[in-house]
């Protein structure tokens, strides 16, 4: 079957999707990229600063998220699933006809 990545948990919430991106950037679900390293990567790649504590609250679904942060996190997703997937998951609203964000 190869080394296909399979998420350790369903990706029903924003926090689970953010944690999945962090795991994909690390060595998988058992050894994800640290929140500090993830925050540094986001800032380096996108210029958007996110503190480790803010990432922790996002992953616990304990706070809302801005469009700028959705954009920044989706831009570092190695699976390139886009902003709509990150914000709404598999049940994302139909495209508005705007250019693709992938």
PDB file of N, CA and C in Angstrom:
ATOM      1  N   UNK A   1       0.799  -1.189   0.000  1.00  0.00           N
ATOM      2  CA  UNK A   1       0.000   0.000   0.000  1.00  0.00           C
ATOM      3  C   UNK A   1       0.848   1.262   0.000  1.00  0.00           C
ATOM      4  N   UNK A   2       2.086   1.192   0.350  1.00  0.00           N
ATOM      5  CA  UNK A   2       2.948   2.360   0.354  1.00  0.00           C
ATOM      6  C   UNK A   2       2.870   3.125   1.655  1.00  0.00           C
ATOM      7  N   UNK A   3       3.310   4.383   1.616  1.00  0.00           N
ATOM      8  CA  UNK A   3       3.338   5.221   2.803  1.00  0.00           C
ATOM      9  C   UNK A   3       2.282   6.311   2.751  1.00  0.00           C
ATOM     10  N   UNK A   4       1.078   5.990   2.303  1.00  0.00           N
ATOM     11  CA  UNK A   4       0.011   6.989   2.230  1.00  0.00           C
ATOM     12  C   UNK A   4      -0.310   7.495   3.626  1.00  0.00           C
ATOM     13  N   UNK A   5      -0.430   8.806   3.743  1.00  0.00           N
ATOM     14  CA  UNK A   5      -0.744   9.429   5.024  1.00  0.00           C
ATOM     15  C   UNK A   5      -2.233   9.299   5.292  1.00  0.00           C
ATOM     16  N   UNK A   6      -2.589   8.832   6.457  1.00  0.00           N
ATOM     17  CA  UNK A   6      -3.988   8.726   6.872  1.00  0.00           C
ATOM     18  C   UNK A   6      -4.139   9.504   8.175  1.00  0.00           C
ATOM     19  N   UNK A   7      -5.045  10.497   8.228  1.00  0.00           N
ATOM     20  CA  UNK A   7      -5.227  11.260   9.462  1.00  0.00           C
ATOM     21  C   UNK A   7      -5.599  10.357  10.628  1.00  0.00           C
ATOM     22  N   UNK A   8      -5.112  10.701  11.804  1.00  0.00           N
ATOM     23  CA  UNK A   8      -5.380   9.913  13.009  1.00  0.00           C
ATOM     24  C   UNK A   8      -6.801  10.127  13.535  1.00  0.00           C
ATOM     25  N   UNK A   9      -7.408  11.255  13.207  1.00  0.00           N
ATOM     26  CA  UNK A   9      -8.760  11.584  13.674  1.00  0.00           C
ATOM     27  C   UNK A   9      -9.561  12.120  12.491  1.00  0.00           C
ATOM     28  N   UNK A  10     -10.889  12.088  12.582  1.00  0.00           N
ATOM     29  CA  UNK A  10     -11.688  12.733  11.532  1.00  0.00           C
ATOM     30  C   UNK A  10     -11.352  14.222  11.489  1.00  0.00           C
ATOM     31  N   UNK A  11     -11.525  14.837  10.353  1.00  0.00           N
ATOM     32  CA  UNK A  11     -11.176  16.255  10.199  1.00  0.00           C
ATOM     33  C   UNK A  11     -12.442  17.103  10.162  1.00  0.00           C
ATOM     34  N   UNK A  12     -13.272  16.943  11.204  1.00  0.00           N
ATOM     35  CA  UNK A  12     -14.569  17.607  11.258  1.00  0.00           C
ATOM     36  C   UNK A  12     -14.495  19.065  11.700  1.00  0.00           C
ATOM     37  N   UNK A  13     -13.498  19.422  12.496  1.00  0.00           N
ATOM     38  CA  UNK A  13     -13.429  20.786  13.029  1.00  0.00           C
ATOM     39  C   UNK A  13     -12.226  21.524  12.460  1.00  0.00           C
ATOM     40  N   UNK A  14     -12.290  22.834  12.538  1.00  0.00           N
ATOM     41  CA  UNK A  14     -11.169  23.663  12.112  1.00  0.00           C
ATOM     42  C   UNK A  14      -9.896  23.258  12.854  1.00  0.00           C
ATOM     43  N   UNK A  15     -10.014  23.049  14.158  1.00  0.00           N
ATOM     44  CA  UNK A  15      -8.849  22.672  14.953  1.00  0.00           C
ATOM     45  C   UNK A  15      -8.228  21.367  14.482  1.00  0.00           C
ATOM     46  N   UNK A  16      -9.059  20.387  14.138  1.00  0.00           N
ATOM     47  CA  UNK A  16      -8.545  19.108  13.644  1.00  0.00           C
ATOM     48  C   UNK A  16      -7.853  19.287  12.293  1.00  0.00           C
ATOM     49  N   UNK A  17      -8.391  20.164  11.442  1.00  0.00           N
ATOM     50  CA  UNK A  17      -7.762  20.397  10.136  1.00  0.00           C
ATOM     51  C   UNK A  17      -6.420  21.109  10.299  1.00  0.00           C
ATOM     52  N   UNK A  18      -6.330  22.063  11.236  1.00  0.00           N
ATOM     53  CA  UNK A  18      -5.047  22.731  11.488  1.00  0.00           C
ATOM     54  C   UNK A  18      -4.038  21.726  12.031  1.00  0.00           C
ATOM     55  N   UNK A  19      -4.451  20.898  12.975  1.00  0.00           N
ATOM     56  CA  UNK A  19      -3.554  19.872  13.529  1.00  0.00           C
ATOM     57  C   UNK A  19      -3.106  18.892  12.450  1.00  0.00           C
ATOM     58  N   UNK A  20      -3.993  18.588  11.488  1.00  0.00           N
ATOM     59  CA  UNK A  20      -3.630  17.691  10.389  1.00  0.00           C
ATOM     60  C   UNK A  20      -2.537  18.314   9.520  1.00  0.00           C
ATOM     61  N   UNK A  21      -2.652  19.594   9.233  1.00  0.00           N
ATOM     62  CA  UNK A  21      -1.613  20.266   8.444  1.00  0.00           C
ATOM     63  C   UNK A  21      -0.288  20.215   9.198  1.00  0.00           C
ATOM     64  N   UNK A  22      -0.335  20.490  10.502  1.00  0.00           N
ATOM     65  CA  UNK A  22       0.885  20.451  11.321  1.00  0.00           C
ATOM     66  C   UNK A  22       1.494  19.051  11.308  1.00  0.00           C
ATOM     67  N   UNK A  23       0.663  18.002  11.376  1.00  0.00           N
ATOM     68  CA  UNK A  23       1.157  16.619  11.346  1.00  0.00           C
ATOM     69  C   UNK A  23       1.789  16.303   9.994  1.00  0.00           C
ATOM     70  N   UNK A  24       1.170  16.764   8.920  1.00  0.00           N
ATOM     71  CA  UNK A  24       1.719  16.510   7.580  1.00  0.00           C
ATOM     72  C   UNK A  24       3.067  17.204   7.379  1.00  0.00           C
ATOM     73  N   UNK A  25       3.265  18.339   8.037  1.00  0.00           N
ATOM     74  CA  UNK A  25       4.538  19.056   7.927  1.00  0.00           C
ATOM     75  C   UNK A  25       5.622  18.424   8.796  1.00  0.00           C
ATOM     76  N   UNK A  26       5.215  17.648   9.781  1.00  0.00           N
ATOM     77  CA  UNK A  26       6.161  16.935  10.634  1.00  0.00           C
ATOM     78  C   UNK A  26       6.363  15.533  10.116  1.00  0.00           C
ATOM     79  N   UNK A  27       6.499  14.606  11.036  1.00  0.00           N
ATOM     80  CA  UNK A  27       6.731  13.206  10.666  1.00  0.00           C
ATOM     81  C   UNK A  27       5.461  12.386  10.827  1.00  0.00           C
ATOM     82  N   UNK A  28       4.293  12.996  10.651  1.00  0.00           N
ATOM     83  CA  UNK A  28       3.030  12.280  10.752  1.00  0.00           C
ATOM     84  C   UNK A  28       2.336  12.517  12.075  1.00  0.00           C
ATOM     85  N   UNK A  29       1.195  11.838  12.277  1.00  0.00           N
ATOM     86  CA  UNK A  29       0.378  12.079  13.475  1.00  0.00           C
ATOM     87  C   UNK A  29       1.111  11.838  14.786  1.00  0.00           C
ATOM     88  N   UNK A  30       2.057  10.902  14.800  1.00  0.00           N
ATOM     89  CA  UNK A  30       2.753  10.615  16.057  1.00  0.00           C
ATOM     90  C   UNK A  30       3.877  11.608  16.337  1.00  0.00           C
ATOM     91  N   UNK A  31       4.335  12.341  15.327  1.00  0.00           N
ATOM     92  CA  UNK A  31       5.415  13.323  15.513  1.00  0.00           C
ATOM     93  C   UNK A  31       5.165  14.563  14.668  1.00  0.00           C
ATOM     94  N   UNK A  32       4.109  15.331  15.004  1.00  0.00           N
ATOM     95  CA  UNK A  32       3.818  16.537  14.221  1.00  0.00           C
ATOM     96  C   UNK A  32       4.875  17.618  14.449  1.00  0.00           C
ATOM     97  N   UNK A  33       4.916  18.553  13.544  1.00  0.00           N
ATOM     98  CA  UNK A  33       5.744  19.738  13.722  1.00  0.00           C
ATOM     99  C   UNK A  33       5.269  20.425  15.001  1.00  0.00           C
ATOM    100  N   UNK A  34       6.172  20.940  15.807  1.00  0.00           N
ATOM    101  CA  UNK A  34       5.756  21.629  17.032  1.00  0.00           C
ATOM    102  C   UNK A  34       4.960  22.885  16.673  1.00  0.00           C
ATOM    103  N   UNK A  35       4.122  23.334  17.603  1.00  0.00           N
ATOM    104  CA  UNK A  35       3.358  24.554  17.354  1.00  0.00           C
ATOM    105  C   UNK A  35       4.288  25.741  17.141  1.00  0.00           C
ATOM    106  N   UNK A  36       5.391  25.787  17.891  1.00  0.00           N
ATOM    107  CA  UNK A  36       6.350  26.883  17.737  1.00  0.00           C
ATOM    108  C   UNK A  36       6.977  26.868  16.343  1.00  0.00           C
ATOM    109  N   UNK A  37       7.386  25.678  15.875  1.00  0.00           N
ATOM    110  CA  UNK A  37       7.983  25.554  14.542  1.00  0.00           C
ATOM    111  C   UNK A  37       6.943  25.851  13.458  1.00  0.00           C
ATOM    112  N   UNK A  38       5.690  25.433  13.680  1.00  0.00           N
ATOM    113  CA  UNK A  38       4.616  25.697  12.727  1.00  0.00           C
ATOM    114  C   UNK A  38       4.372  27.201  12.615  1.00  0.00           C
ATOM    115  N   UNK A  39       4.332  27.891  13.752  1.00  0.00           N
ATOM    116  CA  UNK A  39       4.144  29.342  13.753  1.00  0.00           C
ATOM    117  C   UNK A  39       5.290  30.034  13.019  1.00  0.00           C
ATOM    118  N   UNK A  40       6.515  29.575  13.246  1.00  0.00           N
ATOM    119  CA  UNK A  40       7.677  30.161  12.569  1.00  0.00           C
ATOM    120  C   UNK A  40       7.604  29.925  11.064  1.00  0.00           C
ATOM    121  N   UNK A  41       7.184  28.742  10.653  1.00  0.00           N
ATOM    122  CA  UNK A  41       7.049  28.419   9.233  1.00  0.00           C
ATOM    123  C   UNK A  41       6.003  29.314   8.575  1.00  0.00           C
ATOM    124  N   UNK A  42       4.875  29.486   9.234  1.00  0.00           N
ATOM    125  CA  UNK A  42       3.819  30.346   8.684  1.00  0.00           C
ATOM    126  C   UNK A  42       4.339  31.766   8.503  1.00  0.00           C
ATOM    127  N   UNK A  43       5.032  32.283   9.517  1.00  0.00           N
ATOM    128  CA  UNK A  43       5.558  33.647   9.416  1.00  0.00           C
ATOM    129  C   UNK A  43       6.611  33.758   8.314  1.00  0.00           C
ATOM    130  N   UNK A  44       7.495  32.784   8.237  1.00  0.00           N
ATOM    131  CA  UNK A  44       8.561  32.796   7.217  1.00  0.00           C
ATOM    132  C   UNK A  44       7.973  32.711   5.801  1.00  0.00           C
ATOM    133  N   UNK A  45       6.980  31.845   5.613  1.00  0.00           N
ATOM    134  CA  UNK A  45       6.426  31.619   4.274  1.00  0.00           C
ATOM    135  C   UNK A  45       5.395  32.652   3.850  1.00  0.00           C
ATOM    136  N   UNK A  46       4.662  33.238   4.796  1.00  0.00           N
ATOM    137  CA  UNK A  46       3.548  34.118   4.440  1.00  0.00           C
ATOM    138  C   UNK A  46       3.665  35.532   4.990  1.00  0.00           C
ATOM    139  N   UNK A  47       4.524  35.729   5.984  1.00  0.00           N
ATOM    140  CA  UNK A  47       4.638  37.038   6.615  1.00  0.00           C
ATOM    141  C   UNK A  47       3.593  37.286   7.690  1.00  0.00           C
ATOM    142  N   UNK A  48       2.714  36.314   7.938  1.00  0.00           N
ATOM    143  CA  UNK A  48       1.663  36.446   8.952  1.00  0.00           C
ATOM    144  C   UNK A  48       2.175  35.854  10.253  1.00  0.00           C
ATOM    145  N   UNK A  49       2.140  36.653  11.317  1.00  0.00           N
ATOM    146  CA  UNK A  49       2.630  36.195  12.613  1.00  0.00           C
ATOM    147  C   UNK A  49       1.494  35.595  13.430  1.00  0.00           C
ATOM    148  N   UNK A  50       1.683  34.353  13.867  1.00  0.00           N
ATOM    149  CA  UNK A  50       0.730  33.658  14.718  1.00  0.00           C
ATOM    150  C   UNK A  50       1.512  33.135  15.922  1.00  0.00           C
ATOM    151  N   UNK A  51       1.073  33.469  17.107  1.00  0.00           N
ATOM    152  CA  UNK A  51       1.754  33.001  18.312  1.00  0.00           C
ATOM    153  C   UNK A  51       1.388  31.555  18.611  1.00  0.00           C
ATOM    154  N   UNK A  52       2.265  30.841  19.282  1.00  0.00           N
ATOM    155  CA  UNK A  52       2.046  29.443  19.628  1.00  0.00           C
ATOM    156  C   UNK A  52       0.760  29.276  20.434  1.00  0.00           C
ATOM    157  N   UNK A  53       0.512  30.173  21.366  1.00  0.00           N
ATOM    158  CA  UNK A  53      -0.703  30.100  22.168  1.00  0.00           C
ATOM    159  C   UNK A  53      -1.958  30.255  21.322  1.00  0.00           C
ATOM    160  N   UNK A  54      -1.890  31.108  20.321  1.00  0.00           N
ATOM    161  CA  UNK A  54      -3.017  31.283  19.413  1.00  0.00           C
ATOM    162  C   UNK A  54      -3.268  29.998  18.621  1.00  0.00           C
ATOM    163  N   UNK A  55      -2.202  29.352  18.162  1.00  0.00           N
ATOM    164  CA  UNK A  55      -2.351  28.067  17.468  1.00  0.00           C
ATOM    165  C   UNK A  55      -2.981  27.024  18.385  1.00  0.00           C
ATOM    166  N   UNK A  56      -2.549  27.013  19.632  1.00  0.00           N
ATOM    167  CA  UNK A  56      -3.108  26.066  20.593  1.00  0.00           C
ATOM    168  C   UNK A  56      -4.609  26.279  20.751  1.00  0.00           C
ATOM    169  N   UNK A  57      -5.044  27.520  20.883  1.00  0.00           N
ATOM    170  CA  UNK A  57      -6.473  27.817  21.021  1.00  0.00           C
ATOM    171  C   UNK A  57      -7.234  27.465  19.746  1.00  0.00           C
ATOM    172  N   UNK A  58      -6.627  27.718  18.586  1.00  0.00           N
ATOM    173  CA  UNK A  58      -7.266  27.358  17.325  1.00  0.00           C
ATOM    174  C   UNK A  58      -7.452  25.846  17.221  1.00  0.00           C
ATOM    175  N   UNK A  59      -6.418  25.088  17.585  1.00  0.00           N
ATOM    176  CA  UNK A  59      -6.500  23.628  17.495  1.00  0.00           C
ATOM    177  C   UNK A  59      -7.518  23.050  18.478  1.00  0.00           C
ATOM    178  N   UNK A  60      -7.774  23.757  19.567  1.00  0.00           N
ATOM    179  CA  UNK A  60      -8.786  23.308  20.535  1.00  0.00           C
ATOM    180  C   UNK A  60     -10.153  23.882  20.203  1.00  0.00           C
ATOM    181  N   UNK A  61     -10.259  24.605  19.106  1.00  0.00           N
ATOM    182  CA  UNK A  61     -11.494  25.279  18.705  1.00  0.00           C
ATOM    183  C   UNK A  61     -11.979  26.217  19.794  1.00  0.00           C
ATOM    184  N   UNK A  62     -11.033  26.867  20.469  1.00  0.00           N
ATOM    185  CA  UNK A  62     -11.358  27.762  21.576  1.00  0.00           C
ATOM    186  C   UNK A  62     -11.382  29.223  21.148  1.00  0.00           C
ATOM    187  N   UNK A  63     -11.203  29.500  19.876  1.00  0.00           N
ATOM    188  CA  UNK A  63     -11.273  30.880  19.393  1.00  0.00           C
ATOM    189  C   UNK A  63     -11.629  30.874  17.928  1.00  0.00           C
ATOM    190  N   UNK A  64     -12.125  32.000  17.450  1.00  0.00           N
ATOM    191  CA  UNK A  64     -12.432  32.160  16.035  1.00  0.00           C
ATOM    192  C   UNK A  64     -11.165  32.394  15.237  1.00  0.00           C
ATOM    193  N   UNK A  65     -11.306  32.442  13.944  1.00  0.00           N
ATOM    194  CA  UNK A  65     -10.142  32.603  13.074  1.00  0.00           C
ATOM    195  C   UNK A  65     -10.433  33.687  12.050  1.00  0.00           C
ATOM    196  N   UNK A  66      -9.416  34.487  11.749  1.00  0.00           N
ATOM    197  CA  UNK A  66      -9.573  35.548  10.750  1.00  0.00           C
ATOM    198  C   UNK A  66      -9.286  34.984   9.358  1.00  0.00           C
ATOM    199  N   UNK A  67      -9.770  35.691   8.354  1.00  0.00           N
ATOM    200  CA  UNK A  67      -9.500  35.265   6.978  1.00  0.00           C
ATOM    201  C   UNK A  67      -8.010  35.292   6.667  1.00  0.00           C
ATOM    202  N   UNK A  68      -7.278  36.247   7.259  1.00  0.00           N
ATOM    203  CA  UNK A  68      -5.835  36.324   7.021  1.00  0.00           C
ATOM    204  C   UNK A  68      -5.126  35.076   7.544  1.00  0.00           C
ATOM    205  N   UNK A  69      -5.562  34.581   8.698  1.00  0.00           N
ATOM    206  CA  UNK A  69      -4.931  33.388   9.269  1.00  0.00           C
ATOM    207  C   UNK A  69      -5.349  32.142   8.479  1.00  0.00           C
ATOM    208  N   UNK A  70      -6.618  32.067   8.056  1.00  0.00           N
ATOM    209  CA  UNK A  70      -7.040  30.954   7.199  1.00  0.00           C
ATOM    210  C   UNK A  70      -6.165  30.920   5.950  1.00  0.00           C
ATOM    211  N   UNK A  71      -5.980  32.066   5.336  1.00  0.00           N
ATOM    212  CA  UNK A  71      -5.157  32.147   4.122  1.00  0.00           C
ATOM    213  C   UNK A  71      -3.722  31.714   4.399  1.00  0.00           C
ATOM    214  N   UNK A  72      -3.137  32.219   5.476  1.00  0.00           N
ATOM    215  CA  UNK A  72      -1.741  31.899   5.789  1.00  0.00           C
ATOM    216  C   UNK A  72      -1.551  30.403   6.052  1.00  0.00           C
ATOM    217  N   UNK A  73      -2.424  29.814   6.845  1.00  0.00           N
ATOM    218  CA  UNK A  73      -2.282  28.387   7.157  1.00  0.00           C
ATOM    219  C   UNK A  73      -2.513  27.546   5.909  1.00  0.00           C
ATOM    220  N   UNK A  74      -3.513  27.904   5.111  1.00  0.00           N
ATOM    221  CA  UNK A  74      -3.782  27.111   3.907  1.00  0.00           C
ATOM    222  C   UNK A  74      -2.622  27.189   2.917  1.00  0.00           C
ATOM    223  N   UNK A  75      -1.881  28.279   2.919  1.00  0.00           N
ATOM    224  CA  UNK A  75      -0.744  28.425   1.997  1.00  0.00           C
ATOM    225  C   UNK A  75       0.430  27.519   2.352  1.00  0.00           C
ATOM    226  N   UNK A  76       0.519  27.057   3.600  1.00  0.00           N
ATOM    227  CA  UNK A  76       1.621  26.152   3.974  1.00  0.00           C
ATOM    228  C   UNK A  76       1.176  24.690   4.003  1.00  0.00           C
ATOM    229  N   UNK A  77      -0.093  24.407   3.681  1.00  0.00           N
ATOM    230  CA  UNK A  77      -0.600  23.032   3.673  1.00  0.00           C
ATOM    231  C   UNK A  77       0.096  22.245   2.561  1.00  0.00           C
ATOM    232  N   UNK A  78       0.847  21.195   2.903  1.00  0.00           N
ATOM    233  CA  UNK A  78       1.554  20.440   1.868  1.00  0.00           C
ATOM    234  C   UNK A  78       0.612  19.697   0.927  1.00  0.00           C
ATOM    235  N   UNK A  79      -0.649  19.490   1.328  1.00  0.00           N
ATOM    236  CA  UNK A  79      -1.621  18.808   0.470  1.00  0.00           C
ATOM    237  C   UNK A  79      -2.376  19.798  -0.434  1.00  0.00           C
ATOM    238  N   UNK A  80      -2.144  21.093  -0.262  1.00  0.00           N
ATOM    239  CA  UNK A  80      -2.735  22.148  -1.102  1.00  0.00           C
ATOM    240  C   UNK A  80      -4.260  22.031  -1.210  1.00  0.00           C
ATOM    241  N   UNK A  81      -4.927  21.871  -0.064  1.00  0.00           N
ATOM    242  CA  UNK A  81      -6.386  21.696  -0.069  1.00  0.00           C
ATOM    243  C   UNK A  81      -7.138  23.010  -0.116  1.00  0.00           C
ATOM    244  N   UNK A  82      -6.479  24.132   0.119  1.00  0.00           N
ATOM    245  CA  UNK A  82      -7.086  25.440  -0.074  1.00  0.00           C
ATOM    246  C   UNK A  82      -7.801  26.015   1.138  1.00  0.00           C
ATOM    247  N   UNK A  83      -8.131  27.305   1.000  1.00  0.00           N
ATOM    248  CA  UNK A  83      -8.774  28.061   2.089  1.00  0.00           C
ATOM    249  C   UNK A  83     -10.163  27.531   2.417  1.00  0.00           C
ATOM    250  N   UNK A  84     -10.953  27.207   1.401  1.00  0.00           N
ATOM    251  CA  UNK A  84     -12.313  26.748   1.672  1.00  0.00           C
ATOM    252  C   UNK A  84     -12.297  25.455   2.480  1.00  0.00           C
ATOM    253  N   UNK A  85     -11.409  24.506   2.127  1.00  0.00           N
ATOM    254  CA  UNK A  85     -11.323  23.268   2.897  1.00  0.00           C
ATOM    255  C   UNK A  85     -10.941  23.570   4.347  1.00  0.00           C
ATOM    256  N   UNK A  86      -9.945  24.436   4.547  1.00  0.00           N
ATOM    257  CA  UNK A  86      -9.509  24.739   5.907  1.00  0.00           C
ATOM    258  C   UNK A  86     -10.639  25.376   6.709  1.00  0.00           C
ATOM    259  N   UNK A  87     -11.323  26.331   6.122  1.00  0.00           N
ATOM    260  CA  UNK A  87     -12.364  27.057   6.848  1.00  0.00           C
ATOM    261  C   UNK A  87     -13.620  26.221   7.087  1.00  0.00           C
ATOM    262  N   UNK A  88     -14.024  25.420   6.094  1.00  0.00           N
ATOM    263  CA  UNK A  88     -15.312  24.722   6.204  1.00  0.00           C
ATOM    264  C   UNK A  88     -15.213  23.201   6.111  1.00  0.00           C
ATOM    265  N   UNK A  89     -14.080  22.655   5.767  1.00  0.00           N
ATOM    266  CA  UNK A  89     -13.933  21.201   5.667  1.00  0.00           C
ATOM    267  C   UNK A  89     -14.553  20.640   4.410  1.00  0.00           C
ATOM    268  N   UNK A  90     -14.866  19.361   4.457  1.00  0.00           N
ATOM    269  CA  UNK A  90     -15.412  18.667   3.290  1.00  0.00           C
ATOM    270  C   UNK A  90     -16.756  19.243   2.875  1.00  0.00           C
ATOM    271  N   UNK A  91     -17.457  19.890   3.797  1.00  0.00           N
ATOM    272  CA  UNK A  91     -18.768  20.463   3.496  1.00  0.00           C
ATOM    273  C   UNK A  91     -18.660  21.927   3.103  1.00  0.00           C
ATOM    274  N   UNK A  92     -17.547  22.302   2.466  1.00  0.00           N
ATOM    275  CA  UNK A  92     -17.357  23.707   2.109  1.00  0.00           C
ATOM    276  C   UNK A  92     -18.452  24.141   1.133  1.00  0.00           C
ATOM    277  N   UNK A  93     -18.824  25.416   1.203  1.00  0.00           N
ATOM    278  CA  UNK A  93     -19.881  25.915   0.308  1.00  0.00           C
ATOM    279  C   UNK A  93     -19.422  25.837  -1.149  1.00  0.00           C
ATOM    280  N   UNK A  94     -20.352  25.776  -2.083  1.00  0.00           N
ATOM    281  CA  UNK A  94     -19.959  25.724  -3.492  1.00  0.00           C
ATOM    282  C   UNK A  94     -19.183  26.977  -3.884  1.00  0.00           C
ATOM    283  N   UNK A  95     -18.331  26.816  -4.842  1.00  0.00           N
ATOM    284  CA  UNK A  95     -17.491  27.915  -5.312  1.00  0.00           C
ATOM    285  C   UNK A  95     -18.365  29.049  -5.851  1.00  0.00           C
ATOM    286  N   UNK A  96     -17.904  30.262  -5.614  1.00  0.00           N
ATOM    287  CA  UNK A  96     -18.627  31.444  -6.068  1.00  0.00           C
ATOM    288  C   UNK A  96     -18.264  31.824  -7.488  1.00  0.00           C
ATOM    289  N   UNK A  97     -17.404  31.019  -8.118  1.00  0.00           N
ATOM    290  CA  UNK A  97     -16.953  31.353  -9.455  1.00  0.00           C
ATOM    291  C   UNK A  97     -15.670  32.157  -9.426  1.00  0.00           C
ATOM    292  N   UNK A  98     -15.203  32.489  -8.225  1.00  0.00           N
ATOM    293  CA  UNK A  98     -13.949  33.218  -8.084  1.00  0.00           C
ATOM    294  C   UNK A  98     -12.801  32.304  -8.452  1.00  0.00           C
ATOM    295  N   UNK A  99     -11.641  32.851  -8.778  1.00  0.00           N
ATOM    296  CA  UNK A  99     -10.491  32.016  -9.109  1.00  0.00           C
ATOM    297  C   UNK A  99     -10.169  31.036  -7.978  1.00  0.00           C
ATOM    298  N   UNK A 100      -9.688  29.881  -8.353  1.00  0.00           N
ATOM    299  CA  UNK A 100      -9.336  28.848  -7.381  1.00  0.00           C
ATOM    300  C   UNK A 100      -8.222  29.317  -6.482  1.00  0.00           C
ATOM    301  N   UNK A 101      -8.248  28.875  -5.216  1.00  0.00           N
ATOM    302  CA  UNK A 101      -7.199  29.243  -4.263  1.00  0.00           C
ATOM    303  C   UNK A 101      -6.189  28.129  -4.096  1.00  0.00           C
ATOM    304  N   UNK A 102      -6.273  27.091  -4.863  1.00  0.00           N
ATOM    305  CA  UNK A 102      -5.364  25.937  -4.717  1.00  0.00           C
ATOM    306  C   UNK A 102      -4.024  26.191  -5.318  1.00  0.00           C
TER     307      UNK A 102
END
